[in-house]
Protein backbone atom coordinates (compact mmCIF):
# COMPACT_ATOMS: atom_id res chain seq x y z
CA MET A 1 13.72 1.40 -20.56
CA ARG A 2 10.71 0.34 -22.70
CA LYS A 3 10.12 1.92 -26.11
CA ASP A 4 6.95 1.71 -28.24
CA ASN A 5 5.86 3.71 -31.24
CA ILE A 6 2.58 5.58 -30.91
CA VAL A 7 0.35 6.14 -33.96
CA LYS A 8 -2.29 8.90 -33.80
CA PRO A 9 -3.74 8.38 -30.31
CA LYS A 10 -6.96 9.98 -29.17
CA THR A 11 -6.49 11.49 -25.75
CA SER A 12 -8.53 12.82 -22.86
CA GLU A 13 -6.10 15.10 -21.11
CA VAL A 14 -5.64 16.24 -17.56
CA LEU A 15 -3.26 19.18 -17.22
CA PHE A 16 -1.30 19.68 -14.03
CA LEU A 17 -0.12 23.31 -13.85
CA PHE A 18 2.74 24.07 -11.49
CA THR A 19 2.49 27.83 -11.96
CA CYS A 20 -0.73 28.08 -9.96
CA PHE A 21 -0.96 24.61 -8.38
CA LEU A 22 -4.28 23.90 -10.11
CA PHE A 23 -5.54 20.96 -12.12
CA SER A 24 -7.38 21.70 -15.36
CA PHE A 25 -9.43 19.07 -17.13
CA SER A 26 -10.21 18.81 -20.83
CA LEU A 27 -11.87 16.20 -22.98
CA ALA A 28 -10.42 16.90 -26.38
CA ILE A 29 -9.18 14.96 -29.37
CA ALA A 30 -5.47 15.48 -29.94
CA GLU A 31 -2.82 14.11 -32.24
CA SER A 32 0.23 12.46 -30.70
CA VAL A 33 3.67 13.86 -31.07
CA PRO A 34 5.34 12.01 -33.97
CA GLY A 35 8.06 9.75 -32.72
CA SER A 36 6.78 9.71 -29.14
CA ILE A 37 8.68 7.38 -26.82
CA TYR A 38 7.29 5.58 -23.80
CA SER A 39 9.71 5.44 -20.88
CA GLU A 40 9.62 3.95 -17.42
CA LEU A 41 10.74 6.08 -14.48
CA SER A 42 12.21 3.73 -11.92
CA ILE A 43 11.70 4.06 -8.16
CA LYS A 44 14.73 5.56 -6.47
CA GLU A 45 13.63 5.75 -2.85
CA VAL A 46 10.58 4.77 -0.80
CA THR A 47 9.36 5.65 2.69
CA VAL A 48 7.05 2.99 4.12
CA PHE A 49 4.44 3.51 6.84
CA LYS A 50 2.90 0.77 8.95
CA ASP A 51 -0.62 1.44 7.68
CA GLY A 52 0.25 0.53 4.07
CA HIS A 53 0.88 4.01 2.69
CA ALA A 54 4.23 4.81 1.16
CA PHE A 55 5.97 7.95 -0.04
CA ILE A 56 7.55 7.01 -3.38
CA LEU A 57 10.29 8.95 -5.13
CA HIS A 58 11.01 8.32 -8.83
CA GLU A 59 13.97 9.88 -10.62
CA GLY A 60 15.93 9.08 -13.75
CA ASN A 61 17.54 10.30 -16.96
CA LEU A 62 15.09 9.35 -19.73
CA GLN A 63 14.95 9.63 -23.51
CA THR A 64 12.83 12.48 -24.89
CA ASN A 65 10.50 12.56 -27.89
CA THR A 66 10.82 14.81 -30.92
CA LYS A 67 9.52 17.80 -28.93
CA GLY A 68 11.97 17.30 -26.10
CA ASP A 69 9.35 15.99 -23.66
CA VAL A 70 9.47 12.85 -21.51
CA VAL A 71 6.52 10.46 -21.84
CA LEU A 72 5.96 7.83 -19.11
CA ALA A 73 4.23 4.56 -19.87
CA ASP A 74 2.26 4.27 -16.64
CA LEU A 75 0.48 6.55 -14.18
CA PRO A 76 0.82 6.41 -10.40
CA ALA A 77 -2.26 6.39 -8.15
CA PRO A 78 -1.45 9.03 -5.52
CA ILE A 79 -3.80 10.30 -2.88
CA MET A 80 -5.16 13.80 -3.32
CA GLY A 81 -2.64 16.61 -3.04
CA THR A 82 0.52 14.54 -2.68
CA PHE A 83 1.71 14.35 -6.30
CA TRP A 84 4.70 16.54 -7.11
CA ALA A 85 6.88 16.38 -10.22
CA TYR A 86 10.14 18.18 -10.95
CA SER A 87 13.01 18.56 -13.37
CA ALA A 88 16.39 17.55 -11.97
CA ASP A 89 18.19 19.45 -14.76
CA PRO A 90 18.79 23.09 -13.73
CA LYS A 91 18.91 24.10 -17.40
CA ARG A 92 15.45 22.73 -18.17
CA LYS A 93 12.44 23.92 -16.18
CA LEU A 94 9.33 21.81 -15.86
CA LYS A 95 6.38 23.61 -17.48
CA CYS A 96 3.64 21.13 -16.63
CA VAL A 97 2.70 17.47 -16.46
CA ILE A 98 -0.08 16.10 -18.67
CA SER A 99 -1.74 12.75 -18.03
CA SER A 100 -3.58 11.21 -20.97
CA ARG A 101 -5.70 8.19 -21.74
CA ASP A 102 -4.60 7.23 -25.25
CA GLU A 103 -5.80 4.70 -27.78
CA VAL A 104 -2.56 3.38 -29.25
CA ASP A 105 -1.35 0.66 -31.60
CA VAL A 106 0.54 -1.99 -29.67
CA GLU A 107 2.49 -4.82 -31.28
CA LYS A 108 1.19 -8.24 -30.25
CA THR A 109 1.67 -11.82 -31.41
CA ALA A 110 -0.98 -12.82 -33.97
CA MET A 111 -3.13 -15.54 -32.39
CA THR A 112 -5.92 -16.00 -34.99
CA VAL A 113 -6.19 -16.51 -38.75
CA GLU A 114 -7.71 -13.07 -39.08
CA GLU A 115 -4.77 -11.45 -37.29
CA LEU A 116 -2.28 -13.32 -39.49
CA LEU A 117 -4.09 -12.20 -42.64
CA LYS A 118 -4.23 -8.63 -41.40
CA SER A 119 -0.49 -8.53 -40.60
CA ASN A 120 0.68 -10.11 -43.91
CA PRO A 121 -0.59 -7.98 -46.82
CA GLY A 122 1.18 -8.88 -50.07
CA ASN A 123 2.06 -12.41 -48.97
CA ASP A 124 1.19 -15.39 -51.18
CA ILE A 125 -0.88 -18.12 -49.57
CA ILE A 126 -2.74 -21.31 -50.40
CA ILE A 127 -6.22 -21.05 -48.96
CA LYS A 128 -9.04 -23.51 -48.48
CA ASP A 129 -12.55 -22.27 -47.77
CA SER A 130 -15.84 -23.98 -46.96
CA VAL A 131 -17.35 -23.32 -50.43
CA SER A 132 -14.57 -24.09 -52.93
CA GLN A 133 -13.94 -27.74 -53.69
CA HIS A 134 -10.16 -27.37 -53.95
CA PRO A 135 -7.53 -25.13 -52.33
CA TYR A 136 -6.31 -22.24 -54.46
CA GLN A 137 -3.40 -19.80 -54.45
CA ALA A 138 -3.99 -16.15 -53.67
CA ARG A 139 -2.21 -13.00 -52.58
CA ILE A 140 -3.44 -11.11 -49.50
CA ILE A 141 -4.48 -7.53 -50.22
CA ARG A 142 -6.05 -6.45 -46.94
CA VAL A 143 -8.74 -7.20 -44.37
CA LEU A 144 -11.82 -4.95 -44.50
CA GLU A 145 -13.34 -3.86 -41.21
CA GLU A 146 -15.72 -1.15 -40.00
CA LYS A 147 -13.71 0.89 -37.50
CA THR A 148 -16.35 3.54 -36.78
CA ASN A 149 -19.24 1.18 -36.03
CA PRO A 150 -18.98 -0.22 -32.48
CA ASN A 151 -21.79 -2.73 -33.22
CA TYR A 152 -20.04 -4.21 -36.24
CA ASP A 153 -20.19 -8.02 -36.26
CA PRO A 154 -16.64 -9.47 -36.46
CA ALA A 155 -18.08 -12.51 -38.24
CA GLN A 156 -18.87 -10.27 -41.24
CA LYS A 157 -15.23 -9.25 -41.81
CA ILE A 158 -13.95 -9.77 -45.32
CA VAL A 159 -10.44 -10.34 -46.64
CA LEU A 160 -9.56 -9.16 -50.16
CA LEU A 161 -7.50 -11.70 -52.11
CA LYS A 162 -5.88 -11.36 -55.53
CA ILE A 163 -6.43 -14.53 -57.57
CA ASN A 164 -6.01 -15.32 -61.30
CA GLU A 165 -9.59 -14.35 -62.07
CA GLY A 166 -9.40 -11.00 -60.25
CA ILE A 167 -10.02 -9.68 -56.72
CA LYS A 168 -11.89 -12.09 -54.46
CA ALA A 169 -13.81 -10.86 -51.40
CA LEU A 170 -13.89 -13.78 -48.99
CA PRO A 171 -15.69 -13.73 -45.62
CA ILE A 172 -13.13 -14.69 -43.01
CA HIS A 173 -15.47 -17.09 -41.22
CA ARG A 174 -15.49 -19.32 -44.35
CA ILE A 175 -11.72 -19.86 -44.23
CA GLN A 176 -10.81 -23.40 -43.15
CA ASP A 177 -7.07 -23.56 -43.80
CA VAL A 178 -4.25 -21.16 -44.78
CA THR A 179 -0.74 -22.10 -45.94
CA PHE A 180 1.85 -19.33 -46.24
CA LEU A 181 4.26 -19.79 -49.17
CA GLY A 182 6.82 -17.53 -47.51
CA GLU A 183 7.85 -16.60 -43.98
CA PRO A 184 4.81 -14.88 -42.38
CA ASN A 185 4.87 -11.87 -40.10
CA GLU A 186 3.79 -13.29 -36.74
CA THR A 187 2.99 -9.96 -35.08
CA THR A 188 0.02 -7.66 -35.45
CA GLN A 189 -1.00 -4.17 -34.35
CA LYS A 190 -3.83 -3.98 -31.81
CA LYS A 191 -5.64 -0.99 -30.39
CA GLU A 192 -5.22 -0.62 -26.64
CA THR A 193 -6.04 2.09 -24.14
CA LYS A 194 -2.93 3.27 -22.32
CA ASP A 195 -2.57 5.83 -19.55
CA THR A 196 0.46 8.01 -20.11
CA MET A 197 2.13 10.97 -18.43
CA ARG A 198 4.03 13.64 -20.32
CA PHE A 199 6.61 15.95 -18.72
CA LYS A 200 6.75 19.16 -20.80
CA LEU A 201 10.07 20.92 -20.36
CA ASP A 202 11.42 24.39 -21.16
CA GLY A 203 14.97 25.11 -22.18
CA PRO A 204 17.29 23.72 -24.84
CA GLN A 205 16.02 20.49 -26.37
CA GLN A 206 18.14 17.41 -25.67
CA ASN A 207 17.95 13.69 -26.39
CA THR A 208 17.55 12.91 -22.68
CA ALA A 209 16.15 14.71 -19.65
CA LYS A 210 16.48 14.05 -15.92
CA VAL A 211 13.07 14.24 -14.27
CA GLY A 212 11.42 12.94 -11.12
CA MET A 213 8.15 12.72 -9.25
CA ALA A 214 7.10 12.02 -5.66
CA TYR A 215 3.74 11.07 -4.19
CA VAL A 216 1.94 9.11 -1.47
CA GLN A 217 0.21 5.89 -2.52
CA ARG A 218 -1.09 2.83 -0.73
CA GLY A 219 0.58 -0.45 -1.67
CA ILE A 220 3.65 -1.06 0.51
CA ARG A 221 3.58 -1.61 4.27
CA TRP A 222 5.84 -2.98 6.94
CA ILE A 223 4.98 -4.94 10.06
CA PRO A 224 7.49 -4.75 12.95
CA SER A 225 8.11 -7.59 15.40
CA TYR A 226 10.42 -7.99 18.39
CA ARG A 227 12.47 -10.78 19.91
CA VAL A 228 13.16 -10.04 23.59
CA GLU A 229 15.84 -12.15 25.28
CA ILE A 230 15.97 -11.65 29.07
CA ASP A 231 18.83 -12.96 31.22
CA GLY A 232 17.05 -12.93 34.58
CA LYS A 233 19.54 -10.34 35.86
CA GLY A 234 17.91 -7.17 34.58
CA ASN A 235 19.20 -7.02 31.00
CA ALA A 236 17.09 -7.61 27.88
CA VAL A 237 18.46 -7.95 24.35
CA ILE A 238 15.95 -6.36 21.96
CA LYS A 239 15.98 -7.48 18.33
CA LEU A 240 13.71 -5.65 15.89
CA GLN A 241 12.85 -7.04 12.48
CA GLY A 242 10.41 -5.88 9.83
CA THR A 243 8.23 -7.73 7.35
CA ILE A 244 7.89 -5.68 4.16
CA ILE A 245 4.84 -6.41 1.99
CA ASN A 246 5.09 -5.03 -1.54
CA GLU A 247 1.90 -4.84 -3.61
CA LEU A 248 2.86 -1.68 -5.51
CA ALA A 249 5.72 -2.11 -7.99
CA ASP A 250 9.12 -3.75 -8.41
CA ILE A 251 11.89 -2.04 -6.48
CA GLU A 252 15.54 -2.69 -7.25
CA ASN A 253 18.53 -1.76 -5.08
CA ILE A 254 16.92 1.31 -3.53
CA THR A 255 17.01 3.11 -0.20
CA THR A 256 14.01 2.21 1.96
CA HIS A 257 12.85 4.11 5.04
CA LEU A 258 10.66 2.29 7.57
CA VAL A 259 8.63 4.72 9.67
CA ILE A 260 7.54 4.22 13.26
CA GLY A 261 4.29 6.12 13.65
CA VAL A 262 1.34 6.65 11.32
CA PRO A 263 0.83 10.22 10.09
CA ARG A 264 -2.68 11.38 9.29
CA PHE A 265 -3.38 11.68 5.57
CA VAL A 266 -6.63 13.62 5.48
CA PHE A 267 -7.39 12.74 1.84
CA LYS A 268 -6.16 9.15 1.90
CA GLY A 269 -9.50 7.91 0.56
CA THR A 270 -9.55 10.38 -2.34
CA PRO A 271 -7.50 9.70 -5.50
CA ASP A 272 -5.63 12.53 -7.15
CA PRO A 273 -7.16 13.49 -10.56
CA ILE A 274 -3.78 13.07 -12.22
CA SER A 275 -4.26 9.28 -11.98
CA PHE A 276 -7.57 8.94 -13.91
CA GLN A 277 -8.82 6.69 -11.10
CA GLU A 278 -12.19 7.04 -9.39
CA THR A 279 -11.12 5.06 -6.32
CA ILE A 280 -7.82 4.30 -4.69
CA ALA A 281 -6.76 0.65 -4.82
CA ARG A 282 -6.71 -1.04 -1.43
CA LEU A 283 -4.36 -0.83 -0.83
CA SER A 284 9.42 13.71 8.54
CA SER A 285 12.16 15.63 9.58
CA HIS A 286 13.99 12.67 11.12
CA PHE A 287 15.44 11.52 7.76
CA ARG A 288 19.16 10.99 7.49
CA PRO A 289 21.05 14.00 6.13
CA ASP A 290 22.08 12.07 2.99
CA SER A 291 18.48 11.08 2.20
CA SER A 292 17.36 12.35 -1.19
CA THR A 293 13.74 11.95 -0.06
CA ALA A 294 14.09 14.33 2.87
CA TYR A 295 13.64 17.50 0.84
CA ALA A 296 10.81 16.20 -1.30
CA PHE A 297 8.94 14.70 1.67
CA SER A 298 9.14 17.79 3.85
CA ASN A 299 7.88 20.02 1.06
CA ALA A 300 5.37 17.72 -0.54
CA ILE A 301 3.16 16.46 2.26
CA MET A 302 3.87 18.53 5.34
CA SER A 303 0.27 19.72 5.27
CA GLN A 304 -0.93 16.13 5.35
CA GLN A 305 0.57 15.35 8.76
CA ALA A 306 -1.99 17.22 10.83
CA SER A 307 -5.51 15.94 11.32
CA VAL A 308 -8.42 18.33 10.87
CA SER A 309 -11.11 15.80 11.69
CA HIS A 310 -11.76 13.57 14.68
CA ARG A 311 -14.29 11.37 12.92
CA ARG A 312 -13.63 7.63 12.80
CA GLU A 313 -12.27 6.47 9.47
CA ARG A 314 -14.53 3.95 7.77
CA GLU A 315 -11.79 1.92 6.16
CA ASN A 316 -13.31 -1.43 7.14
CA SER A 317 -16.25 -0.78 4.81
CA GLU A 318 -14.05 -0.04 1.81
CA ASN A 319 -13.21 -2.59 -0.86
CA ASN A 320 -9.66 -3.64 -0.12
CA ALA A 321 -8.02 -5.13 -3.20
CA LEU A 322 -4.49 -5.25 -1.80
CA ASP A 323 -3.31 -8.00 0.53
CA LEU A 324 -1.21 -5.91 2.89
CA GLY A 325 -1.22 -8.37 5.78
CA PRO A 326 -2.96 -8.31 9.15
CA GLU A 327 -3.68 -5.20 11.18
CA LEU A 328 -2.20 -4.81 14.66
CA GLN A 329 -4.68 -3.80 17.31
CA GLY A 330 -3.44 -0.71 19.11
CA SER A 331 -0.96 0.20 16.37
CA GLU A 332 -2.78 3.44 15.53
CA THR A 333 -1.72 5.24 18.68
CA ASN A 334 -0.31 8.71 18.43
CA GLU A 335 3.36 7.83 17.99
CA ASP A 336 6.05 10.31 17.07
CA LEU A 337 7.59 9.69 13.66
CA PHE A 338 10.92 7.90 13.64
CA VAL A 339 12.66 6.42 10.60
CA PHE A 340 14.86 3.35 10.17
CA THR A 341 16.83 3.49 6.91
CA LEU A 342 17.81 0.38 4.94
CA ASP A 343 20.05 0.50 1.88
CA HIS A 344 20.12 -1.72 -1.24
CA ILE A 345 16.62 -3.18 -0.89
CA SER A 346 15.22 -5.16 -3.85
CA LEU A 347 11.69 -6.60 -3.81
CA LYS A 348 9.38 -7.45 -6.68
CA LYS A 349 5.68 -6.74 -6.64
CA GLY A 350 3.86 -9.48 -4.75
CA GLN A 351 6.91 -10.53 -2.74
CA ARG A 352 7.44 -10.30 1.02
CA MET A 353 10.69 -9.72 2.85
CA VAL A 354 11.77 -10.15 6.47
CA VAL A 355 14.77 -7.99 7.29
CA PRO A 356 16.64 -7.38 10.58
CA ILE A 357 16.57 -3.71 11.54
CA ALA A 358 18.15 -3.09 14.95
CA GLU A 359 19.58 -4.84 18.02
CA TYR A 360 20.32 -3.30 21.39
CA THR A 361 20.23 -4.03 25.14
CA LEU A 362 17.82 -2.42 27.60
CA PRO A 363 17.58 -2.71 31.38
CA TYR A 364 14.39 -4.18 32.78
CA THR A 365 12.70 -4.83 36.09
CA ASP A 366 10.42 -7.73 36.97
CA ILE A 367 7.09 -6.44 38.21
CA TYR A 368 3.80 -8.06 39.14
CA THR A 369 0.44 -6.42 38.72
CA VAL A 370 -3.04 -7.21 40.00
CA ASN A 371 -6.00 -5.63 38.23
CA MET A 372 -9.23 -5.80 40.19
CA SER A 373 -12.35 -5.82 38.05
CA PHE A 374 -15.39 -3.81 39.06
CA ALA A 375 -18.91 -4.24 37.78
CA PRO A 376 -20.05 -1.67 35.20
CA PRO A 377 -23.15 0.46 35.82
CA LEU A 378 -26.52 -1.25 35.71
CA GLU A 379 -27.51 0.65 32.57
CA MET A 380 -24.60 -0.97 30.72
CA ARG A 381 -25.13 -4.45 32.16
CA ARG A 382 -28.67 -4.52 30.80
CA ASN A 383 -27.22 -4.74 27.28
CA PHE A 384 -24.88 -7.62 28.08
CA ASN A 385 -25.59 -11.11 26.79
CA THR A 386 -25.23 -14.27 28.89
CA ASN A 387 -21.62 -14.93 27.90
CA GLN A 388 -20.61 -11.39 28.80
CA HIS A 389 -22.22 -11.71 32.22
CA LEU A 390 -20.35 -14.98 32.81
CA GLU A 391 -17.03 -13.46 31.74
CA LEU A 392 -17.61 -10.48 34.01
CA ALA A 393 -18.33 -12.78 36.94
CA LYS A 394 -15.14 -14.79 36.30
CA LEU A 395 -13.03 -11.66 36.22
CA PHE A 396 -14.56 -10.31 39.38
CA HIS A 397 -14.31 -13.49 41.44
CA ALA A 398 -10.98 -14.81 40.12
CA PRO A 399 -8.43 -11.97 39.89
CA LYS A 400 -4.91 -12.93 38.78
CA ALA A 401 -1.45 -11.55 39.27
CA MET A 402 0.43 -10.97 36.02
CA HIS A 403 4.21 -11.14 35.59
CA LYS A 404 5.57 -8.31 33.44
CA ILE A 405 8.91 -6.76 32.67
CA ARG A 406 9.26 -3.01 32.78
CA LEU A 407 11.73 -1.90 30.10
CA LYS A 408 13.68 1.31 30.47
CA ASN A 409 14.22 2.60 26.94
CA ASP A 410 17.64 4.24 27.06
CA ALA A 411 18.42 3.28 23.43
CA GLN A 412 18.49 5.65 20.47
CA TYR A 413 15.28 4.16 19.04
CA PRO A 414 11.71 4.28 20.33
CA LEU A 415 9.86 1.02 20.88
CA THR A 416 6.87 0.67 18.58
CA THR A 417 3.59 -1.22 18.87
CA ALA A 418 4.38 -4.72 17.66
CA PRO A 419 4.25 -8.42 18.58
CA ALA A 420 7.06 -9.40 20.93
CA THR A 421 8.25 -12.95 21.55
CA ILE A 422 10.05 -13.36 24.89
CA PHE A 423 12.90 -15.83 25.51
CA LYS A 424 15.01 -16.77 28.50
CA ASP A 425 18.08 -19.04 28.26
CA GLY A 426 17.06 -19.92 24.70
CA GLN A 427 13.61 -21.13 25.75
CA ILE A 428 10.46 -19.35 24.70
CA LEU A 429 8.40 -17.93 27.55
CA ALA A 430 5.50 -16.13 25.88
CA GLN A 431 4.41 -13.72 23.22
CA GLY A 432 3.06 -10.33 24.16
CA MET A 433 2.44 -6.94 22.64
CA MET A 434 5.12 -4.30 22.83
CA THR A 435 3.58 -0.87 23.25
CA TYR A 436 4.99 2.40 22.02
CA THR A 437 7.68 3.68 24.36
CA SER A 438 9.54 6.86 23.55
CA ILE A 439 13.27 7.28 24.04
CA GLY A 440 13.91 7.69 27.76
CA GLY A 441 10.51 6.32 28.72
CA THR A 442 9.42 3.04 30.31
CA GLY A 443 7.04 0.42 28.98
CA ASP A 444 5.58 -2.80 30.34
CA LEU A 445 5.65 -6.08 28.45
CA GLU A 446 3.36 -8.80 29.78
CA ILE A 447 4.87 -12.27 30.10
CA THR A 448 2.42 -14.63 31.77
CA THR A 449 0.16 -15.24 34.77
CA ALA A 450 2.08 -15.43 38.06
CA VAL A 451 0.72 -18.78 39.28
CA ASN A 452 2.76 -18.63 42.53
CA ILE A 453 0.91 -15.54 43.67
CA LYS A 454 -2.60 -16.27 44.89
CA VAL A 455 -5.13 -13.46 44.91
CA LYS A 456 -8.37 -13.45 46.88
CA ASN A 457 -10.86 -10.67 47.20
CA ALA A 458 -14.00 -10.27 49.25
CA ASP A 459 -16.33 -7.49 50.24
CA LYS A 460 -18.77 -7.28 53.09
CA GLN A 461 -21.30 -4.88 54.47
CA THR A 462 -20.16 -2.97 57.55
CA ALA A 463 -23.07 -0.64 58.18
CA ALA A 464 -26.52 0.37 56.91
CA THR A 465 -28.31 3.65 57.57
CA PRO A 466 -32.00 3.63 56.66
CA ASN A 467 -33.56 6.76 55.17
CA ALA A 468 -30.13 8.33 54.79
CA VAL A 469 -31.09 10.17 51.61
CA LYS A 470 -34.42 11.39 50.23
CA TRP A 471 -34.88 12.28 46.57
CA ASN A 472 -38.13 12.98 44.71
CA GLY A 473 -40.15 11.69 47.64
CA ASP A 474 -38.24 8.39 47.84
CA SER A 475 -36.07 7.31 50.77
CA TYR A 476 -32.75 5.55 50.24
CA THR A 477 -30.61 3.49 52.59
CA LYS A 478 -26.90 4.17 52.84
CA ILE A 479 -24.79 0.98 52.87
CA ASN A 480 -21.09 0.96 53.79
CA MET A 481 -19.00 -1.78 52.14
CA LEU A 482 -15.52 -3.00 53.01
CA GLY A 483 -13.36 -4.63 50.36
CA VAL A 484 -10.50 -6.96 51.29
CA ILE A 485 -7.77 -8.22 48.95
CA GLU A 486 -5.50 -11.04 50.12
CA LEU A 487 -2.21 -11.80 48.38
CA GLU A 488 -0.04 -14.84 49.08
CA ASN A 489 3.39 -15.37 47.54
CA TYR A 490 4.35 -19.05 47.25
CA SER A 491 7.60 -18.44 45.36
CA ASP A 492 11.06 -18.44 46.95
CA GLU A 493 11.71 -14.76 46.24
CA SER A 494 9.98 -11.57 47.24
CA VAL A 495 8.19 -9.69 44.47
CA THR A 496 7.02 -6.14 43.88
CA LEU A 497 3.32 -5.72 43.23
CA HIS A 498 1.73 -2.80 41.39
């Protein structure tokens, strides 16, 4: 818990009213509550989605100020409509939450002569300036500065010194050397702008209060990956691991939920006004029964799970300030939500973690597929460049048979879209892309080209009927084509083609 004293801050306040679920905004000058205490509300639980959004739950028993309110040192940056705060003490009801941008005095180490003079009034010093021929002893009274003039030149600041002849006003820029005759105070008070959040509580005033808040914010994501070990006899050992990327905040010994599936957050590009931010940093009912996030999640963002727009999100054009790792092509499919829960996870901001999640065995079948390419319509081919025409010709004239395994997912977990590295007898065979496969469903995982299966295709004209069709005064000839595909298996075993 961090504690700082606040001295007369000026605030621009945003009031979050729970009674009518409205935000009210005011730009007013207000005095701070004497004896205010800054606290830090630690993260208790987090639910991480693959797209980099996370549902964060804070809760803790914090010290209150002289009015019985809890003041947090930092503001979250939730997306619009997902911020919810609460009081965990049944005897104290939450009245409202106020976010403020305060100008406060913060204690810092003095790094300049001016700061040392300012923080040591009454101390005796020996001073040497650029005008006097010899050093002289003086006592610091105070440093004069114009606080109300933003264009005031710091070089014109004056320090008042008590010397034998009287009070000396010395411009600070003329000071060359200062020797303190006693132990100096090495800290100074500096003005800083700090965003704070105040929980105003009803009920009997106490020294501490248990409060919490939950919201959706971008900053933590997880990337799944699979290791698939096949035995050649129809059994595949599936090992799922997750890479957690934390660019949000330090988490310590918390419960972490990793979600398969990406829900639609309609306002994910719009920051909530409670955060004082103009832009967001770029960054389910399946919870376990003992999850303390389950209640808050189901009540806080249920309305965010449905999409009301089919327009393409323009995230690629946004300024992404968070390094949340690479995107997986095809990972935005419409997957059902499923949650893996990990306990006792600790990860500091900026760190990455690879953690094993699940291991199970699935039956599989070796299959071989041949995809025959057909030429697109002429209208589309007109827009192709030379390389695209060459690639199309290669695909059409050189079809290949692909070796795949068809997994039957009879486990208790769905398979999610993720890279999959395939092994057999400890040797790596290939890397493919696992596609989403629901529980009880089947999914294909591509291994490699079946070089022992040769594929040939040819087409020839079998008939032509002149003037078969007339349209708009033009005559057209009807041509009948016959396509032939030849497959030859040079391996020792028979295979099934699809």
